[in-house]
């Protein structure tokens, strides 16, 4: 029995050893699996960090490209204008400031970029643990978010630059338009007053028959009228139109369409838009396509500039109508003067004829008086032949006969 017991213990020992061997094999497999899983987990985390690094490289190219677009963006805005259009504005005034701010954004980006590059080197080390890799990956993701924010900030800042320069150039043209408007208002006041003075002067003599007064008023009003129209007050509207065309051209270069209340594209058909407003009694409102997401001071400036342009055109039209009415008054005054002048000339002719008639009548009366006196005289040539020589006698007798004949004619 002892042998059996011993044999049984040997068998149990062998079984235990076999089981231990099996367990060791299982443990070895588990450890290998765990090692593989851990390596896969490491690789997974490393792969994420590698992808993060790849994104940051792409973002680096993008932000550097954005960084270089500042000057071309400004140049693109002003490319369609000539030197005279932009006289008085320094197009590169803010370039240094823009570059400085963009460099600040870029430097913040580079900080994140360099950190992420370092994180990739860190997780690539053999000795690093999974948890260290995981924590590094989490940190890298946080930096990636900052990195993306920097890229978006750079894009946003470039858009801000574009908007700011758009506003600055619009403001420049608006100021130019206001300057033209101030000159026009001053001219409008003078021209309006001039036309009124002409009208008042002519109306004051419309019932006059004084030729000299009418002539003086005609000359004075014609001189005033010529001085007014020679200044070409209506040229201001064309100057104002050209300035506003620059605003619509600028907006069009940014793919912004400006339409009036009738849906007319101001960049393409500004003249039609203006003419349609001149015959309308309603206010013309502008629409911008695409519509701004928020209230923009720049768009308000454009609307104000358009209203200024329309006001200049409307007042110019009023002056042109008044100019025509004034010209008609001057022509009426001329006709009145010519009528009075012709009447006075006729009166003068009649007076002259009357004077001549009186003169002729007086001469006739004088002749009749002389004729009567002559009739009282007698001319007797008897005995002249005995007194005078024959030749002298014949001359006297001939003259006497002629006298008698003339007297008979007058008789």
Protein backbone atom coordinates (compact mmCIF):
# COMPACT_ATOMS: atom_id res chain seq x y z
CA UNK A 1 0.00 0.00 0.00
CA UNK A 2 2.87 2.32 0.68
CA UNK A 3 4.16 1.67 -2.80
CA UNK A 4 0.77 2.42 -4.23
CA UNK A 5 0.59 5.57 -2.25
CA UNK A 6 4.06 6.56 -3.43
CA UNK A 7 3.16 5.72 -7.02
CA UNK A 8 0.01 7.78 -6.67
CA UNK A 9 1.97 10.76 -5.37
CA UNK A 10 4.40 10.41 -8.25
CA UNK A 11 1.53 10.43 -10.69
CA UNK A 12 -0.02 13.45 -8.99
CA UNK A 13 3.36 15.22 -9.10
CA UNK A 14 3.68 14.46 -12.79
CA UNK A 15 0.18 15.74 -13.44
CA UNK A 16 0.93 18.87 -11.49
CA UNK A 17 4.14 19.35 -13.44
CA UNK A 18 2.28 18.79 -16.72
CA UNK A 19 -0.40 21.25 -15.68
CA UNK A 20 2.26 23.75 -14.62
CA UNK A 21 3.94 23.33 -17.94
CA UNK A 22 0.64 23.94 -19.69
CA UNK A 23 0.02 26.97 -17.47
CA UNK A 24 3.47 28.30 -18.24
CA UNK A 25 2.78 27.92 -21.92
CA UNK A 26 -0.56 29.70 -21.50
CA UNK A 27 1.09 32.44 -19.44
CA UNK A 28 3.74 32.80 -22.08
CA UNK A 29 1.07 33.15 -24.75
CA UNK A 30 -0.86 35.63 -22.60
CA UNK A 31 2.26 37.65 -21.99
CA UNK A 32 3.01 37.63 -25.71
CA UNK A 33 -0.54 38.65 -26.47
CA UNK A 34 -0.37 41.36 -23.83
CA UNK A 35 2.94 42.51 -25.29
CA UNK A 36 1.48 42.52 -28.77
CA UNK A 37 -1.64 44.33 -27.59
CA UNK A 38 0.50 46.86 -25.75
CA UNK A 39 2.63 47.36 -28.85
CA UNK A 40 -0.50 47.73 -30.97
CA UNK A 41 -1.82 50.26 -28.49
CA UNK A 42 1.51 52.06 -28.67
CA UNK A 43 1.45 51.91 -32.45
CA UNK A 44 -2.13 53.21 -32.44
CA UNK A 45 -1.21 56.16 -30.26
CA UNK A 46 1.97 56.75 -32.25
CA UNK A 47 -0.10 56.61 -35.46
CA UNK A 48 -2.37 59.34 -34.09
CA UNK A 49 0.62 61.50 -33.21
CA UNK A 50 2.08 60.85 -36.68
CA UNK A 51 -1.25 61.92 -38.23
CA UNK A 52 -1.29 65.01 -36.03
CA UNK A 53 2.23 65.81 -37.21
CA UNK A 54 1.16 65.28 -40.82
CA UNK A 55 -1.78 67.69 -40.36
CA UNK A 56 0.49 70.32 -38.81
CA UNK A 57 2.84 70.08 -41.81
CA UNK A 58 -0.09 70.63 -44.17
CA UNK A 59 -1.26 73.50 -41.98
CA UNK A 60 2.24 74.96 -42.05
CA UNK A 61 2.13 75.16 -45.83
CA UNK A 62 -1.32 76.68 -45.61
CA UNK A 63 -0.51 79.35 -43.03
CA UNK A 64 2.71 80.26 -44.84
CA UNK A 65 0.74 80.64 -48.04
CA UNK A 66 -1.81 82.82 -46.22
CA UNK A 67 1.03 84.85 -44.71
CA UNK A 68 2.35 85.66 -48.20
CA UNK A 69 -1.06 86.76 -49.50
CA UNK A 70 -1.24 90.09 -47.67
CA UNK A 71 0.46 92.27 -50.30
CA UNK A 72 -1.13 90.46 -53.31
CA UNK A 73 -4.55 90.90 -51.65
CA UNK A 74 -4.04 94.67 -51.38
CA UNK A 75 -2.62 94.86 -54.90
CA UNK A 76 -5.58 92.93 -56.26
CA UNK A 77 -7.98 95.45 -54.69
CA UNK A 78 -6.28 98.43 -56.32
CA UNK A 79 -5.22 96.81 -59.60
CA UNK A 80 -8.18 98.13 -61.60
CA UNK A 81 -7.64 101.77 -60.62
CA UNK A 82 -5.29 104.35 -62.06
CA UNK A 83 -3.03 106.69 -60.10
CA UNK A 84 -5.51 109.58 -60.22
CA UNK A 85 -8.28 107.43 -58.77
CA UNK A 86 -6.18 106.63 -55.70
CA UNK A 87 -4.54 110.01 -55.33
CA UNK A 88 -4.40 110.92 -51.66
CA UNK A 89 -4.40 107.38 -50.29
CA UNK A 90 -1.30 105.37 -49.33
CA UNK A 91 -2.16 101.85 -50.39
CA UNK A 92 0.72 100.39 -48.35
CA UNK A 93 -0.04 102.45 -45.27
CA UNK A 94 -1.05 99.43 -43.16
CA UNK A 95 1.19 96.83 -44.77
CA UNK A 96 3.78 96.84 -41.99
CA UNK A 97 1.11 96.56 -39.33
CA UNK A 98 -0.58 93.70 -41.19
CA UNK A 99 2.68 91.80 -41.60
CA UNK A 100 3.56 92.26 -37.94
CA UNK A 101 0.22 90.92 -36.74
CA UNK A 102 0.34 88.01 -39.20
CA UNK A 103 3.87 87.17 -38.04
CA UNK A 104 2.63 87.06 -34.44
CA UNK A 105 -0.04 84.53 -35.46
CA UNK A 106 2.56 82.56 -37.41
CA UNK A 107 4.98 82.49 -34.47
CA UNK A 108 2.24 81.10 -32.23
CA UNK A 109 1.60 78.48 -34.87
CA UNK A 110 5.30 77.55 -35.05
CA UNK A 111 5.37 77.03 -31.29
CA UNK A 112 2.64 74.41 -31.60
CA UNK A 113 4.25 72.99 -34.72
CA UNK A 114 7.61 72.53 -32.99
CA UNK A 115 5.99 70.97 -29.92
CA UNK A 116 4.10 68.46 -32.07
CA UNK A 117 7.36 67.62 -33.90
CA UNK A 118 9.01 67.02 -30.53
CA UNK A 119 6.08 64.87 -29.41
CA UNK A 120 6.51 62.65 -32.44
CA UNK A 121 10.19 62.15 -31.61
CA UNK A 122 9.27 61.37 -28.00
CA UNK A 123 6.70 58.67 -28.81
CA UNK A 124 9.08 57.08 -31.31
CA UNK A 125 11.55 56.10 -28.58
CA UNK A 126 11.70 52.35 -27.75
CA UNK A 127 11.91 52.85 -24.02
CA UNK A 128 8.73 54.87 -23.68
CA UNK A 129 5.69 53.26 -22.08
CA UNK A 130 2.22 53.10 -23.46
CA UNK A 131 0.87 55.48 -20.84
CA UNK A 132 3.61 57.97 -21.65
CA UNK A 133 2.75 57.71 -25.34
CA UNK A 134 -0.95 58.09 -24.58
CA UNK A 135 -0.38 61.18 -22.45
CA UNK A 136 1.87 62.63 -25.13
CA UNK A 137 -0.81 61.95 -27.74
CA UNK A 138 -3.42 63.78 -25.63
CA UNK A 139 -1.07 66.74 -25.29
CA UNK A 140 -0.37 66.67 -29.04
CA UNK A 141 -4.09 66.76 -29.75
CA UNK A 142 -4.45 69.85 -27.57
CA UNK A 143 -1.61 71.50 -29.46
CA UNK A 144 -3.24 70.50 -32.74
CA UNK A 145 -6.37 72.38 -31.72
CA UNK A 146 -4.24 75.44 -31.02
CA UNK A 147 -2.49 74.84 -34.32
CA UNK A 148 -5.77 74.74 -36.23
CA UNK A 149 -6.94 77.87 -34.38
CA UNK A 150 -3.79 79.66 -35.55
CA UNK A 151 -4.42 78.61 -39.15
CA UNK A 152 -8.04 79.78 -38.95
CA UNK A 153 -6.95 82.97 -37.22
CA UNK A 154 -4.53 83.66 -40.07
CA UNK A 155 -7.31 83.10 -42.63
CA UNK A 156 -9.67 85.27 -40.63
CA UNK A 157 -7.06 87.98 -40.30
CA UNK A 158 -6.47 87.94 -44.06
CA UNK A 159 -10.24 88.36 -44.52
CA UNK A 160 -10.11 91.22 -42.02
CA UNK A 161 -7.32 92.82 -44.02
CA UNK A 162 -9.38 92.49 -47.17
CA UNK A 163 -12.43 93.99 -45.43
CA UNK A 164 -10.38 96.76 -43.85
CA UNK A 165 -8.73 97.73 -47.13
CA UNK A 166 -12.11 97.50 -48.88
CA UNK A 167 -13.52 99.87 -46.28
CA UNK A 168 -10.49 102.16 -46.49
CA UNK A 169 -10.73 102.50 -50.27
CA UNK A 170 -14.52 102.91 -50.14
CA UNK A 171 -14.00 105.64 -47.53
CA UNK A 172 -11.44 107.28 -49.81
CA UNK A 173 -13.92 107.37 -52.71
CA UNK A 174 -16.74 108.46 -50.41
CA UNK A 175 -14.62 111.38 -49.20
CA UNK A 176 -13.79 112.31 -52.80
CA UNK A 177 -17.49 112.17 -53.62
CA UNK A 178 -18.31 114.34 -50.61
CA UNK A 179 -15.71 116.88 -51.75
CA UNK A 180 -17.32 117.00 -55.19
CA UNK A 181 -20.73 117.29 -53.53
CA UNK A 182 -19.57 120.22 -51.39
CA UNK A 183 -18.29 122.01 -54.49
CA UNK A 184 -21.51 121.20 -56.32
CA UNK A 185 -23.68 122.48 -53.45
CA UNK A 186 -21.77 125.73 -53.42
CA UNK A 187 -22.09 126.02 -57.20
CA UNK A 188 -25.73 124.94 -57.04
CA UNK A 189 -26.49 127.76 -54.61
CA UNK A 190 -24.76 130.35 -56.81
CA UNK A 191 -26.32 129.08 -60.04
CA UNK A 192 -29.76 128.85 -58.47
CA UNK A 193 -29.42 132.39 -57.13
CA UNK A 194 -28.15 133.58 -60.50
CA UNK A 195 -31.11 132.13 -62.36
CA UNK A 196 -33.47 133.63 -59.78
CA UNK A 197 -31.85 137.05 -60.18
CA UNK A 198 -32.24 136.82 -63.95
CA UNK A 199 -35.91 135.86 -63.57
CA UNK A 200 -36.57 138.68 -61.12
CA UNK A 201 -34.81 141.26 -63.30
CA UNK A 202 -36.77 140.24 -66.38
CA UNK A 203 -40.08 140.01 -64.53
CA UNK A 204 -39.54 143.55 -63.21
CA UNK A 205 -39.43 144.98 -66.74
CA UNK A 206 -41.87 142.67 -68.52
CA UNK A 207 -44.40 145.52 -68.76
CA UNK A 208 -41.84 148.22 -69.52
CA UNK A 209 -41.76 150.21 -72.75
CA UNK A 210 -38.39 151.80 -71.99
CA UNK A 211 -36.13 150.61 -74.78
CA UNK A 212 -32.90 151.53 -73.01
CA UNK A 213 -33.97 149.84 -69.77
CA UNK A 214 -34.97 146.68 -71.64
CA UNK A 215 -31.65 146.67 -73.51
CA UNK A 216 -29.69 147.10 -70.28
CA UNK A 217 -31.58 144.26 -68.59
CA UNK A 218 -31.14 142.10 -71.69
CA UNK A 219 -27.38 142.67 -71.74
CA UNK A 220 -27.04 142.22 -67.98
CA UNK A 221 -29.08 138.99 -67.81
CA UNK A 222 -27.38 137.57 -70.90
CA UNK A 223 -23.97 138.25 -69.33
CA UNK A 224 -25.03 136.59 -66.06
CA UNK A 225 -26.49 133.64 -67.97
CA UNK A 226 -23.33 133.20 -70.07
CA UNK A 227 -21.17 133.30 -66.94
CA UNK A 228 -23.33 130.65 -65.28
CA UNK A 229 -23.41 128.18 -68.17
CA UNK A 230 -19.71 128.70 -68.94
CA UNK A 231 -18.86 127.22 -65.52
CA UNK A 232 -20.46 123.93 -66.60
CA UNK A 233 -22.04 123.15 -63.23
CA UNK A 234 -23.45 119.96 -64.73
CA UNK A 235 -19.92 118.52 -65.03
CA UNK A 236 -20.00 117.72 -61.30
CA UNK A 237 -22.52 114.93 -61.86
CA UNK A 238 -20.21 113.18 -64.32
CA UNK A 239 -17.30 113.51 -61.90
CA UNK A 240 -19.46 112.09 -59.11
CA UNK A 241 -20.64 109.24 -61.34
CA UNK A 242 -17.06 108.24 -62.19
CA UNK A 243 -16.16 108.17 -58.50
CA UNK A 244 -19.12 105.94 -57.63
CA UNK A 245 -18.29 103.68 -60.58
CA UNK A 246 -14.97 103.04 -58.83
CA UNK A 247 -16.86 101.93 -55.71
CA UNK A 248 -19.02 99.49 -57.69
CA UNK A 249 -15.92 98.28 -59.56
CA UNK A 250 -14.16 97.68 -56.23
CA UNK A 251 -17.16 95.73 -54.90
CA UNK A 252 -17.33 93.69 -58.09
CA UNK A 253 -13.66 92.71 -57.73
CA UNK A 254 -14.68 91.10 -54.41
CA UNK A 255 -17.65 89.38 -56.08
CA UNK A 256 -20.09 91.74 -54.37
CA UNK A 257 -22.97 92.83 -56.58
CA UNK A 258 -24.78 96.09 -55.84
CA UNK A 259 -28.39 96.39 -57.00
CA UNK A 260 -30.86 99.24 -56.69
CA UNK A 261 -34.55 98.95 -55.77
CA UNK A 262 -35.39 97.89 -59.34
CA UNK A 263 -32.79 95.11 -59.31
CA UNK A 264 -30.43 96.93 -61.68
CA UNK A 265 -26.77 95.98 -61.33
CA UNK A 266 -25.02 99.30 -60.65
CA UNK A 267 -21.66 98.02 -61.89
CA UNK A 268 -23.12 97.23 -65.31
CA UNK A 269 -25.96 99.75 -65.70
CA UNK A 270 -25.36 102.74 -63.43
CA UNK A 271 -26.81 105.19 -65.99
CA UNK A 272 -30.08 103.26 -66.29
CA UNK A 273 -30.36 103.10 -62.50
CA UNK A 274 -29.86 106.86 -62.17
CA UNK A 275 -32.32 107.72 -64.94
CA UNK A 276 -34.98 105.44 -63.47
CA UNK A 277 -34.60 107.18 -60.12
CA UNK A 278 -34.83 110.71 -61.58
CA UNK A 279 -38.32 109.91 -62.84
CA UNK A 280 -39.33 108.17 -59.60
CA UNK A 281 -40.84 109.65 -56.45
CA UNK A 282 -39.69 106.82 -54.15
CA UNK A 283 -36.37 106.45 -52.36
CA UNK A 284 -33.88 104.15 -54.07
CA UNK A 285 -32.52 101.48 -51.69
CA UNK A 286 -29.48 99.32 -52.38
CA UNK A 287 -29.21 95.56 -52.04
CA UNK A 288 -25.89 93.71 -51.74
CA UNK A 289 -25.39 90.20 -53.11
CA UNK A 290 -24.32 88.14 -51.24
CA UNK A 291 -26.15 89.78 -48.38
CA UNK A 292 -23.86 90.76 -45.46
CA UNK A 293 -24.34 88.51 -42.41
CA UNK A 294 -24.13 91.50 -40.10
CA UNK A 295 -24.54 95.24 -40.37
CA UNK A 296 -21.48 96.63 -42.12
CA UNK A 297 -20.32 100.22 -41.90
CA UNK A 298 -18.73 99.81 -45.33
CA UNK A 299 -22.07 98.97 -46.96
CA UNK A 300 -23.62 101.97 -45.22
CA UNK A 301 -20.90 104.16 -46.72
CA UNK A 302 -21.67 102.75 -50.18
CA UNK A 303 -25.39 103.47 -49.72
CA UNK A 304 -24.64 107.00 -48.51
CA UNK A 305 -22.35 107.56 -51.51
CA UNK A 306 -25.07 106.37 -53.88
CA UNK A 307 -27.59 108.73 -52.28
CA UNK A 308 -25.10 111.59 -52.66
CA UNK A 309 -24.67 110.71 -56.34
CA UNK A 310 -28.44 110.64 -56.90
CA UNK A 311 -28.86 113.97 -55.11
CA UNK A 312 -26.25 115.59 -57.36
CA UNK A 313 -27.98 114.21 -60.46
CA UNK A 314 -31.42 115.28 -59.27
CA UNK A 315 -30.31 118.82 -58.43
CA UNK A 316 -28.39 119.03 -61.71
CA UNK A 317 -31.57 118.12 -63.54
CA UNK A 318 -33.45 120.81 -61.60
CA UNK A 319 -30.82 123.38 -62.60
CA UNK A 320 -30.91 122.30 -66.24
CA UNK A 321 -34.68 122.75 -66.28
CA UNK A 322 -34.29 126.11 -64.57
CA UNK A 323 -31.59 127.04 -67.07
CA UNK A 324 -34.00 126.34 -69.92
CA UNK A 325 -36.76 128.36 -68.25
CA UNK A 326 -34.31 131.22 -67.69
CA UNK A 327 -33.16 131.07 -71.29
CA UNK A 328 -36.80 131.23 -72.41
CA UNK A 329 -37.27 134.34 -70.22
CA UNK A 330 -34.21 135.97 -71.78
CA UNK A 331 -35.56 135.20 -75.25
CA UNK A 332 -38.93 136.67 -74.25
CA UNK A 333 -37.14 139.74 -72.97
CA UNK A 334 -35.24 139.98 -76.25
CA UNK A 335 -38.48 139.75 -78.21
CA UNK A 336 -40.02 142.45 -75.99
CA UNK A 337 -36.98 144.67 -76.51
CA UNK A 338 -37.04 144.08 -80.27
CA UNK A 339 -40.77 144.84 -80.31
CA UNK A 340 -40.30 148.09 -78.37
CA UNK A 341 -37.27 148.94 -80.50
CA UNK A 342 -39.26 148.36 -83.71
CA UNK A 343 -42.15 150.42 -82.32
CA UNK A 344 -39.83 153.26 -81.40
CA UNK A 345 -38.13 153.10 -84.78
CA UNK A 346 -41.56 153.27 -86.43
CA UNK A 347 -42.47 156.23 -84.24
CA UNK A 348 -39.22 157.89 -85.20
CA UNK A 349 -39.88 157.25 -88.87
CA UNK A 350 -43.39 158.70 -88.56
CA UNK A 351 -42.04 161.73 -86.70
CA UNK A 352 -39.43 162.22 -89.38
CA UNK A 353 -42.02 161.93 -92.11
CA UNK A 354 -44.23 164.42 -90.28
CA UNK A 355 -41.31 166.83 -90.00
CA UNK A 356 -40.52 166.45 -93.69
CA UNK A 357 -44.19 166.96 -94.52
CA UNK A 358 -44.25 170.19 -92.48
CA UNK A 359 -41.05 171.34 -94.12
CA UNK A 360 -42.42 170.69 -97.60
CA UNK A 361 -45.66 172.47 -96.76
CA UNK A 362 -43.74 175.47 -95.48
CA UNK A 363 -41.64 175.54 -98.64
CA UNK A 364 -44.79 175.39 -100.79
CA UNK A 365 -46.32 178.26 -98.84
CA UNK A 366 -43.13 180.27 -99.34
CA UNK A 367 -43.19 179.57 -103.07
CA UNK A 368 -46.82 180.60 -103.31
CA UNK A 369 -46.03 183.82 -101.50
CA UNK A 370 -43.18 184.58 -103.86
CA UNK A 371 -45.38 183.72 -106.82
CA UNK A 372 -47.95 186.25 -105.69
CA UNK A 373 -45.31 188.88 -105.38
CA UNK A 374 -43.97 188.06 -108.81
CA UNK A 375 -47.43 188.36 -110.34
CA UNK A 376 -47.56 191.90 -109.08
CA UNK A 377 -44.43 192.77 -111.01
CA UNK A 378 -44.49 193.67 -114.76
CA UNK A 379 -41.65 193.54 -117.16
CA UNK A 380 -41.94 196.00 -120.09
CA UNK A 381 -39.21 195.79 -122.66
CA UNK A 382 -40.55 198.52 -124.96
CA UNK A 383 -38.04 201.13 -126.09
CA UNK A 384 -35.16 198.87 -124.87
CA UNK A 385 -34.17 198.47 -128.50
CA UNK A 386 -33.63 202.18 -128.88
CA UNK A 387 -31.79 202.48 -125.61
CA UNK A 388 -29.61 199.31 -125.73
CA UNK A 389 -27.45 197.83 -128.31
CA UNK A 390 -29.00 195.15 -130.43
CA UNK A 391 -27.10 192.22 -128.84
CA UNK A 392 -27.86 193.34 -125.28
CA UNK A 393 -31.45 193.96 -126.14
CA UNK A 394 -31.87 190.42 -127.48
CA UNK A 395 -30.37 188.85 -124.28
CA UNK A 396 -32.69 190.83 -122.04
CA UNK A 397 -35.66 190.03 -124.13
CA UNK A 398 -34.83 186.30 -124.03
CA UNK A 399 -34.52 186.35 -120.24
CA UNK A 400 -37.76 188.26 -120.01
CA UNK A 401 -39.54 185.67 -122.09
CA UNK A 402 -38.10 182.83 -119.95
CA UNK A 403 -39.22 184.59 -116.79
CA UNK A 404 -42.74 184.97 -118.09
CA UNK A 405 -42.85 181.28 -119.01
CA UNK A 406 -41.61 180.19 -115.55
CA UNK A 407 -44.11 182.51 -113.91
CA UNK A 408 -46.93 180.96 -115.91
CA UNK A 409 -45.80 177.50 -114.72
CA UNK A 410 -45.85 178.60 -111.09
CA UNK A 411 -49.07 180.51 -111.62
